C-alpha atoms as a PDB file:
ATOM      1  CA  UNK A   1       5.824  -2.468 -12.241  1.00  0.00           C
ATOM      2  CA  UNK A   2       2.685  -0.774 -13.576  1.00  0.00           C
ATOM      3  CA  UNK A   3      -0.609  -2.546 -12.791  1.00  0.00           C
ATOM      4  CA  UNK A   4      -3.854  -2.264 -14.778  1.00  0.00           C
ATOM      5  CA  UNK A   5      -7.310  -3.828 -14.594  1.00  0.00           C
ATOM      6  CA  UNK A   6      -9.407  -5.063 -17.518  1.00  0.00           C
ATOM      7  CA  UNK A   7     -12.404  -7.313 -18.060  1.00  0.00           C
ATOM      8  CA  UNK A   8     -12.131 -10.851 -19.410  1.00  0.00           C
ATOM      9  CA  UNK A   9     -13.599  -9.623 -22.699  1.00  0.00           C
ATOM     10  CA  UNK A  10     -10.518  -7.445 -23.252  1.00  0.00           C
ATOM     11  CA  UNK A  11      -8.255 -10.507 -23.218  1.00  0.00           C
ATOM     12  CA  UNK A  12      -8.136 -12.281 -26.563  1.00  0.00           C
ATOM     13  CA  UNK A  13      -5.702 -13.899 -28.983  1.00  0.00           C
ATOM     14  CA  UNK A  14      -2.626 -13.431 -26.837  1.00  0.00           C
ATOM     15  CA  UNK A  15      -3.300  -9.718 -26.424  1.00  0.00           C
ATOM     16  CA  UNK A  16      -4.977  -7.399 -23.959  1.00  0.00           C
ATOM     17  CA  UNK A  17      -6.588  -4.190 -25.153  1.00  0.00           C
ATOM     18  CA  UNK A  18      -6.596  -1.502 -22.481  1.00  0.00           C
ATOM     19  CA  UNK A  19      -9.273   1.143 -23.086  1.00  0.00           C
ATOM     20  CA  UNK A  20     -10.921   4.077 -21.346  1.00  0.00           C
ATOM     21  CA  UNK A  21      -9.095   6.433 -19.018  1.00  0.00           C
ATOM     22  CA  UNK A  22      -6.150   4.068 -18.642  1.00  0.00           C
ATOM     23  CA  UNK A  23      -5.105   4.791 -22.237  1.00  0.00           C
ATOM     24  CA  UNK A  24      -4.372   8.422 -21.416  1.00  0.00           C
ATOM     25  CA  UNK A  25      -2.648   7.279 -18.220  1.00  0.00           C
ATOM     26  CA  UNK A  26      -0.416   4.861 -20.136  1.00  0.00           C
ATOM     27  CA  UNK A  27       0.376   7.282 -22.931  1.00  0.00           C
ATOM     28  CA  UNK A  28       0.524  10.741 -21.349  1.00  0.00           C
ATOM     29  CA  UNK A  29       1.014  10.240 -17.605  1.00  0.00           C
ATOM     30  CA  UNK A  30       3.261   7.205 -17.400  1.00  0.00           C
ATOM     31  CA  UNK A  31       4.630   7.907 -20.892  1.00  0.00           C
ATOM     32  CA  UNK A  32       5.067   4.198 -21.521  1.00  0.00           C
ATOM     33  CA  UNK A  33       6.825   3.143 -24.703  1.00  0.00           C
ATOM     34  CA  UNK A  34       6.415  -0.079 -26.702  1.00  0.00           C
ATOM     35  CA  UNK A  35       8.580  -2.720 -25.084  1.00  0.00           C
ATOM     36  CA  UNK A  36       7.844  -1.641 -21.496  1.00  0.00           C
ATOM     37  CA  UNK A  37       6.281  -4.248 -19.211  1.00  0.00           C
ATOM     38  CA  UNK A  38       3.180  -4.180 -17.038  1.00  0.00           C
ATOM     39  CA  UNK A  39       1.002  -6.486 -14.961  1.00  0.00           C
ATOM     40  CA  UNK A  40      -2.666  -6.715 -15.920  1.00  0.00           C
ATOM     41  CA  UNK A  41      -5.460  -8.348 -13.881  1.00  0.00           C
ATOM     42  CA  UNK A  42      -8.650  -9.597 -15.492  1.00  0.00           C
ATOM     43  CA  UNK A  43     -10.822  -8.630 -12.522  1.00  0.00           C
ATOM     44  CA  UNK A  44     -11.163 -12.232 -11.422  1.00  0.00           C
ATOM     45  CA  UNK A  45      -8.387 -14.641 -10.566  1.00  0.00           C
ATOM     46  CA  UNK A  46      -5.806 -14.329 -13.311  1.00  0.00           C
ATOM     47  CA  UNK A  47      -2.877 -11.972 -13.749  1.00  0.00           C
ATOM     48  CA  UNK A  48      -0.886 -11.460 -16.931  1.00  0.00           C
ATOM     49  CA  UNK A  49       2.712 -10.407 -17.436  1.00  0.00           C
ATOM     50  CA  UNK A  50       2.599  -8.181 -20.499  1.00  0.00           C
ATOM     51  CA  UNK A  51       4.615  -5.917 -22.727  1.00  0.00           C
ATOM     52  CA  UNK A  52       3.211  -2.840 -24.442  1.00  0.00           C
ATOM     53  CA  UNK A  53       3.185  -3.503 -28.180  1.00  0.00           C
ATOM     54  CA  UNK A  54       1.297  -0.582 -29.759  1.00  0.00           C
ATOM     55  CA  UNK A  55      -1.210   2.228 -29.410  1.00  0.00           C
ATOM     56  CA  UNK A  56      -4.470   2.561 -31.287  1.00  0.00           C
ATOM     57  CA  UNK A  57      -6.716   5.605 -31.489  1.00  0.00           C
ATOM     58  CA  UNK A  58      -8.513   4.695 -28.263  1.00  0.00           C
ATOM     59  CA  UNK A  59      -6.576   1.738 -26.902  1.00  0.00           C
ATOM     60  CA  UNK A  60      -3.222   0.486 -25.749  1.00  0.00           C
ATOM     61  CA  UNK A  61      -2.399  -3.036 -26.913  1.00  0.00           C
ATOM     62  CA  UNK A  62      -0.336  -5.304 -24.686  1.00  0.00           C
ATOM     63  CA  UNK A  63       1.150  -8.638 -25.724  1.00  0.00           C
ATOM     64  CA  UNK A  64       0.758 -11.401 -23.133  1.00  0.00           C
ATOM     65  CA  UNK A  65       4.088 -12.901 -22.071  1.00  0.00           C
ATOM     66  CA  UNK A  66       2.667 -15.247 -19.454  1.00  0.00           C
ATOM     67  CA  UNK A  67      -0.254 -15.777 -17.115  1.00  0.00           C
ATOM     68  CA  UNK A  68      -0.943 -17.378 -13.781  1.00  0.00           C
ATOM     69  CA  UNK A  69      -3.710 -17.726 -11.204  1.00  0.00           C
ATOM     70  CA  UNK A  70      -3.581 -14.925  -8.677  1.00  0.00           C
ATOM     71  CA  UNK A  71      -5.312 -15.579  -5.378  1.00  0.00           C
ATOM     72  CA  UNK A  72      -4.892 -12.318  -3.527  1.00  0.00           C
ATOM     73  CA  UNK A  73      -8.437 -11.826  -2.267  1.00  0.00           C
ATOM     74  CA  UNK A  74     -10.146 -12.763   0.968  1.00  0.00           C
ATOM     75  CA  UNK A  75     -12.222 -15.965   0.820  1.00  0.00           C
ATOM     76  CA  UNK A  76     -15.309 -13.901   1.674  1.00  0.00           C
ATOM     77  CA  UNK A  77     -16.813 -10.820   0.044  1.00  0.00           C
ATOM     78  CA  UNK A  78     -17.106  -7.963   2.533  1.00  0.00           C
ATOM     79  CA  UNK A  79     -19.537  -5.099   2.022  1.00  0.00           C
ATOM     80  CA  UNK A  80     -18.988  -1.954   4.083  1.00  0.00           C
ATOM     81  CA  UNK A  81     -22.203  -0.020   4.708  1.00  0.00           C
ATOM     82  CA  UNK A  82     -20.781   3.361   5.703  1.00  0.00           C
ATOM     83  CA  UNK A  83     -22.958   6.086   7.202  1.00  0.00           C
ATOM     84  CA  UNK A  84     -22.123   9.245   5.261  1.00  0.00           C
ATOM     85  CA  UNK A  85     -19.346  11.103   7.115  1.00  0.00           C
ATOM     86  CA  UNK A  86     -18.572  14.782   6.790  1.00  0.00           C
ATOM     87  CA  UNK A  87     -15.795  16.384   4.771  1.00  0.00           C
ATOM     88  CA  UNK A  88     -13.550  14.173   2.686  1.00  0.00           C
ATOM     89  CA  UNK A  89     -13.528  11.316   5.200  1.00  0.00           C
ATOM     90  CA  UNK A  90     -15.227   8.919   2.790  1.00  0.00           C
ATOM     91  CA  UNK A  91     -12.265   9.265   0.418  1.00  0.00           C
ATOM     92  CA  UNK A  92      -9.896   8.115   3.155  1.00  0.00           C
ATOM     93  CA  UNK A  93     -12.278   5.365   4.269  1.00  0.00           C
ATOM     94  CA  UNK A  94     -12.578   4.114   0.683  1.00  0.00           C
ATOM     95  CA  UNK A  95      -8.816   3.963   0.192  1.00  0.00           C
ATOM     96  CA  UNK A  96      -8.121   2.109   3.447  1.00  0.00           C
ATOM     97  CA  UNK A  97     -11.107  -0.230   3.120  1.00  0.00           C
ATOM     98  CA  UNK A  98      -9.906  -1.318  -0.324  1.00  0.00           C
ATOM     99  CA  UNK A  99      -6.399  -1.942   1.006  1.00  0.00           C
ATOM    100  CA  UNK A 100      -7.914  -4.156   3.719  1.00  0.00           C
ATOM    101  CA  UNK A 101      -9.877  -6.307   1.258  1.00  0.00           C
ATOM    102  CA  UNK A 102     -13.403  -4.921   1.099  1.00  0.00           C
ATOM    103  CA  UNK A 103     -15.406  -5.936  -1.985  1.00  0.00           C
ATOM    104  CA  UNK A 104     -18.074  -3.222  -1.929  1.00  0.00           C
ATOM    105  CA  UNK A 105     -18.650   0.104  -0.253  1.00  0.00           C
ATOM    106  CA  UNK A 106     -22.202   1.349   0.189  1.00  0.00           C
ATOM    107  CA  UNK A 107     -22.519   4.976   1.354  1.00  0.00           C
ATOM    108  CA  UNK A 108     -25.665   5.260   3.491  1.00  0.00           C
ATOM    109  CA  UNK A 109     -27.571   8.485   4.178  1.00  0.00           C
ATOM    110  CA  UNK A 110     -28.551   8.234   7.844  1.00  0.00           C
ATOM    111  CA  UNK A 111     -30.574  10.561  10.044  1.00  0.00           C
ATOM    112  CA  UNK A 112     -27.517  11.851  11.909  1.00  0.00           C
ATOM    113  CA  UNK A 113     -25.292  12.166   8.848  1.00  0.00           C
ATOM    114  CA  UNK A 114     -23.952  15.713   8.797  1.00  0.00           C
ATOM    115  CA  UNK A 115     -23.456  15.560   5.025  1.00  0.00           C
ATOM    116  CA  UNK A 116     -26.503  15.609   2.760  1.00  0.00           C
ATOM    117  CA  UNK A 117     -25.341  14.911  -0.780  1.00  0.00           C
ATOM    118  CA  UNK A 118     -26.955  16.941  -3.520  1.00  0.00           C
ATOM    119  CA  UNK A 119     -28.370  14.376  -5.988  1.00  0.00           C
ATOM    120  CA  UNK A 120     -26.950  16.485  -8.824  1.00  0.00           C
ATOM    121  CA  UNK A 121     -23.447  16.129  -7.393  1.00  0.00           C
ATOM    122  CA  UNK A 122     -23.757  12.557  -6.194  1.00  0.00           C
ATOM    123  CA  UNK A 123     -22.726  10.921  -9.481  1.00  0.00           C
ATOM    124  CA  UNK A 124     -19.507  12.955  -9.560  1.00  0.00           C
ATOM    125  CA  UNK A 125     -18.763  12.050  -5.946  1.00  0.00           C
ATOM    126  CA  UNK A 126     -19.282   8.336  -6.588  1.00  0.00           C
ATOM    127  CA  UNK A 127     -17.087   8.581  -9.675  1.00  0.00           C
ATOM    128  CA  UNK A 128     -14.395  10.169  -7.490  1.00  0.00           C
ATOM    129  CA  UNK A 129     -14.685   7.433  -4.844  1.00  0.00           C
ATOM    130  CA  UNK A 130     -14.519   4.759  -7.549  1.00  0.00           C
ATOM    131  CA  UNK A 131     -11.309   6.267  -8.936  1.00  0.00           C
ATOM    132  CA  UNK A 132      -9.829   6.193  -5.424  1.00  0.00           C
ATOM    133  CA  UNK A 133     -10.874   2.546  -5.078  1.00  0.00           C
ATOM    134  CA  UNK A 134      -9.137   1.664  -8.348  1.00  0.00           C
ATOM    135  CA  UNK A 135      -5.922   3.436  -7.353  1.00  0.00           C
ATOM    136  CA  UNK A 136      -5.949   1.702  -3.966  1.00  0.00           C
ATOM    137  CA  UNK A 137      -6.600  -1.689  -5.599  1.00  0.00           C
ATOM    138  CA  UNK A 138      -3.586  -1.191  -7.865  1.00  0.00           C
ATOM    139  CA  UNK A 139      -1.390  -0.170  -4.950  1.00  0.00           C
ATOM    140  CA  UNK A 140      -2.515  -3.110  -2.826  1.00  0.00           C
ATOM    141  CA  UNK A 141      -2.133  -5.688  -5.597  1.00  0.00           C
ATOM    142  CA  UNK A 142      -5.809  -6.637  -5.591  1.00  0.00           C
ATOM    143  CA  UNK A 143      -7.310  -9.060  -8.122  1.00  0.00           C
ATOM    144  CA  UNK A 144     -10.234  -6.756  -8.814  1.00  0.00           C
ATOM    145  CA  UNK A 145     -11.424  -3.227  -8.179  1.00  0.00           C
ATOM    146  CA  UNK A 146     -14.071  -3.034  -5.427  1.00  0.00           C
ATOM    147  CA  UNK A 147     -17.287  -1.231  -6.317  1.00  0.00           C
ATOM    148  CA  UNK A 148     -18.528   1.948  -4.683  1.00  0.00           C
ATOM    149  CA  UNK A 149     -22.308   1.838  -5.004  1.00  0.00           C
ATOM    150  CA  UNK A 150     -24.640   4.843  -5.203  1.00  0.00           C
ATOM    151  CA  UNK A 151     -25.810   6.326  -1.909  1.00  0.00           C
ATOM    152  CA  UNK A 152     -28.626   4.341  -0.305  1.00  0.00           C
ATOM    153  CA  UNK A 153     -31.240   5.245   2.275  1.00  0.00           C
ATOM    154  CA  UNK A 154     -31.290   3.207   5.487  1.00  0.00           C
ATOM    155  CA  UNK A 155     -34.324   1.323   4.201  1.00  0.00           C
ATOM    156  CA  UNK A 156     -32.553   0.475   0.931  1.00  0.00           C
ATOM    157  CA  UNK A 157     -29.341  -0.488   2.723  1.00  0.00           C
ATOM    158  CA  UNK A 158     -31.189  -2.729   5.180  1.00  0.00           C
ATOM    159  CA  UNK A 159     -32.964  -4.449   2.320  1.00  0.00           C
ATOM    160  CA  UNK A 160     -29.655  -5.003   0.501  1.00  0.00           C
ATOM    161  CA  UNK A 161     -28.094  -6.230   3.750  1.00  0.00           C
ATOM    162  CA  UNK A 162     -30.548  -9.140   3.753  1.00  0.00           C
ATOM    163  CA  UNK A 163     -28.461 -10.688   0.944  1.00  0.00           C
ATOM    164  CA  UNK A 164     -25.467 -11.024   3.299  1.00  0.00           C
ATOM    165  CA  UNK A 165     -24.626 -14.351   4.935  1.00  0.00           C
ATOM    166  CA  UNK A 166     -23.629 -12.467   8.088  1.00  0.00           C
ATOM    167  CA  UNK A 167     -24.088  -8.841   9.142  1.00  0.00           C
ATOM    168  CA  UNK A 168     -22.128  -7.045  11.877  1.00  0.00           C
ATOM    169  CA  UNK A 169     -23.462  -3.819  13.376  1.00  0.00           C
ATOM    170  CA  UNK A 170     -20.926  -2.198  15.732  1.00  0.00           C
ATOM    171  CA  UNK A 171     -22.726   0.049  18.232  1.00  0.00           C
ATOM    172  CA  UNK A 172     -21.195   2.279  20.894  1.00  0.00           C
ATOM    173  CA  UNK A 173     -23.838   1.335  23.476  1.00  0.00           C
ATOM    174  CA  UNK A 174     -23.359  -2.416  23.043  1.00  0.00           C
ATOM    175  CA  UNK A 175     -21.398  -4.400  25.640  1.00  0.00           C
ATOM    176  CA  UNK A 176     -19.618  -7.739  26.090  1.00  0.00           C
ATOM    177  CA  UNK A 177     -16.391  -7.938  24.065  1.00  0.00           C
ATOM    178  CA  UNK A 178     -16.378 -11.685  24.689  1.00  0.00           C
ATOM    179  CA  UNK A 179     -19.588 -11.937  22.688  1.00  0.00           C
ATOM    180  CA  UNK A 180     -17.990  -9.923  19.871  1.00  0.00           C
ATOM    181  CA  UNK A 181     -15.090 -12.396  19.774  1.00  0.00           C
ATOM    182  CA  UNK A 182     -17.539 -15.313  19.599  1.00  0.00           C
ATOM    183  CA  UNK A 183     -19.467 -13.708  16.751  1.00  0.00           C
ATOM    184  CA  UNK A 184     -16.299 -13.041  14.735  1.00  0.00           C
ATOM    185  CA  UNK A 185     -14.984 -16.550  15.376  1.00  0.00           C
ATOM    186  CA  UNK A 186     -18.265 -17.967  14.079  1.00  0.00           C
ATOM    187  CA  UNK A 187     -18.377 -15.978  10.849  1.00  0.00           C
ATOM    188  CA  UNK A 188     -18.661 -17.984   7.611  1.00  0.00           C
ATOM    189  CA  UNK A 189     -15.407 -18.647   5.773  1.00  0.00           C
ATOM    190  CA  UNK A 190     -17.061 -18.013   2.405  1.00  0.00           C
ATOM    191  CA  UNK A 191     -20.001 -16.042   1.066  1.00  0.00           C
ATOM    192  CA  UNK A 192     -20.806 -12.432   1.951  1.00  0.00           C
ATOM    193  CA  UNK A 193     -20.298 -10.479   5.168  1.00  0.00           C
ATOM    194  CA  UNK A 194     -21.697  -7.009   5.754  1.00  0.00           C
ATOM    195  CA  UNK A 195     -20.416  -4.405   8.210  1.00  0.00           C
ATOM    196  CA  UNK A 196     -22.652  -1.441   9.093  1.00  0.00           C
ATOM    197  CA  UNK A 197     -20.990   1.699  10.462  1.00  0.00           C
ATOM    198  CA  UNK A 198     -22.943   4.694  11.712  1.00  0.00           C
ATOM    199  CA  UNK A 199     -22.085   8.337  10.899  1.00  0.00           C
ATOM    200  CA  UNK A 200     -20.492  10.837  13.313  1.00  0.00           C
ATOM    201  CA  UNK A 201     -23.669  11.126  15.372  1.00  0.00           C
ATOM    202  CA  UNK A 202     -24.234   7.389  15.581  1.00  0.00           C
ATOM    203  CA  UNK A 203     -27.355   5.361  14.841  1.00  0.00           C
ATOM    204  CA  UNK A 204     -30.906   6.360  15.546  1.00  0.00           C
ATOM    205  CA  UNK A 205     -32.627   3.522  17.419  1.00  0.00           C
ATOM    206  CA  UNK A 206     -35.022   3.005  14.509  1.00  0.00           C
ATOM    207  CA  UNK A 207     -32.064   2.607  12.128  1.00  0.00           C
ATOM    208  CA  UNK A 208     -30.451   0.092  14.426  1.00  0.00           C
ATOM    209  CA  UNK A 209     -33.663  -1.932  14.520  1.00  0.00           C
ATOM    210  CA  UNK A 210     -33.909  -1.960  10.732  1.00  0.00           C
ATOM    211  CA  UNK A 211     -30.477  -3.573  10.490  1.00  0.00           C
ATOM    212  CA  UNK A 212     -31.352  -6.021  13.283  1.00  0.00           C
ATOM    213  CA  UNK A 213     -34.447  -6.999  11.302  1.00  0.00           C
ATOM    214  CA  UNK A 214     -32.199  -7.539   8.261  1.00  0.00           C
ATOM    215  CA  UNK A 215     -30.275 -10.178  10.221  1.00  0.00           C
ATOM    216  CA  UNK A 216     -27.680  -7.920  11.815  1.00  0.00           C
ATOM    217  CA  UNK A 217     -25.831  -8.809  14.983  1.00  0.00           C
ATOM    218  CA  UNK A 218     -25.104  -5.798  17.183  1.00  0.00           C
ATOM    219  CA  UNK A 219     -21.599  -5.945  18.650  1.00  0.00           C
ATOM    220  CA  UNK A 220     -19.241  -3.789  20.681  1.00  0.00           C
ATOM    221  CA  UNK A 221     -15.751  -2.788  19.588  1.00  0.00           C
ATOM    222  CA  UNK A 222     -14.566  -2.246  23.144  1.00  0.00           C
ATOM    223  CA  UNK A 223     -14.887   0.377  25.860  1.00  0.00           C
ATOM    224  CA  UNK A 224     -13.557   3.258  23.790  1.00  0.00           C
ATOM    225  CA  UNK A 225     -15.837   5.117  21.392  1.00  0.00           C
ATOM    226  CA  UNK A 226     -14.290   5.146  17.917  1.00  0.00           C
ATOM    227  CA  UNK A 227     -14.792   7.773  15.239  1.00  0.00           C
ATOM    228  CA  UNK A 228     -16.799   6.705  12.204  1.00  0.00           C
ATOM    229  CA  UNK A 229     -13.654   6.706  10.029  1.00  0.00           C
ATOM    230  CA  UNK A 230     -11.881   4.486  12.576  1.00  0.00           C
ATOM    231  CA  UNK A 231     -14.621   1.984  13.400  1.00  0.00           C
ATOM    232  CA  UNK A 232     -14.964   0.472   9.926  1.00  0.00           C
ATOM    233  CA  UNK A 233     -11.209   0.189   9.467  1.00  0.00           C
ATOM    234  CA  UNK A 234     -10.943  -1.467  12.899  1.00  0.00           C
ATOM    235  CA  UNK A 235     -13.502  -4.119  11.938  1.00  0.00           C
ATOM    236  CA  UNK A 236     -12.039  -4.675   8.464  1.00  0.00           C
ATOM    237  CA  UNK A 237      -8.569  -5.127   9.964  1.00  0.00           C
ATOM    238  CA  UNK A 238      -9.883  -7.778  12.348  1.00  0.00           C
ATOM    239  CA  UNK A 239     -11.793  -9.563   9.583  1.00  0.00           C
ATOM    240  CA  UNK A 240      -8.843  -9.459   7.216  1.00  0.00           C
ATOM    241  CA  UNK A 241      -6.580 -10.978   9.875  1.00  0.00           C
ATOM    242  CA  UNK A 242      -9.145 -13.560  10.987  1.00  0.00           C
ATOM    243  CA  UNK A 243     -10.382 -14.678   7.577  1.00  0.00           C
ATOM    244  CA  UNK A 244      -7.207 -14.497   5.477  1.00  0.00           C
ATOM    245  CA  UNK A 245      -6.071 -17.842   4.159  1.00  0.00           C
ATOM    246  CA  UNK A 246      -2.447 -18.845   4.685  1.00  0.00           C
END
């Protein structure tokens, strides 16, 4: 069944008004007709069973048939601070991170990042990543669409990381997998957890120290060195398994 996201403000009087790009998707891509059903999430913890009732000039109106609480999110909010990778790797990382339950993705321009985004093109790139996040959230049955934030410098990312309740910094030169297991076992079961992943070339020592100063705990992911597009997904998989409620 088709799945759409709206804000709480779009839910009123037994109806949901879908606006924006989804209208074209409903009308011209999916070619939905009045009477067809869909599932609509309000971006928080409620899901609505709906039926398409009519089209307006810039909206699709759905009648609410029923609603229920929908707890399909992790009990913690996870922010992935991803060092900018080359090519289209960030698209893949965004898709898989959303499937695994991330709440935010923060692209970070690091010293060893091969890619240097042109500020003039950055907005379009972020818009593209956000569209991928929405599609992945629909596919995964998420309650809400995770946000892809604008690219940050290391200084900006470290400052933002201070708002996390816990911050993991996987580093290829770190050791002691037993310590990593202890750190993960001791993570809070609510609040915000940050994960910082370096780019292809890894962290500069100065960058690593900035995240340490922001409260980060440097950990190893084992004896093998993982690619940047693998490391974040590895950590998110472990966190999703460890922190998921039954």
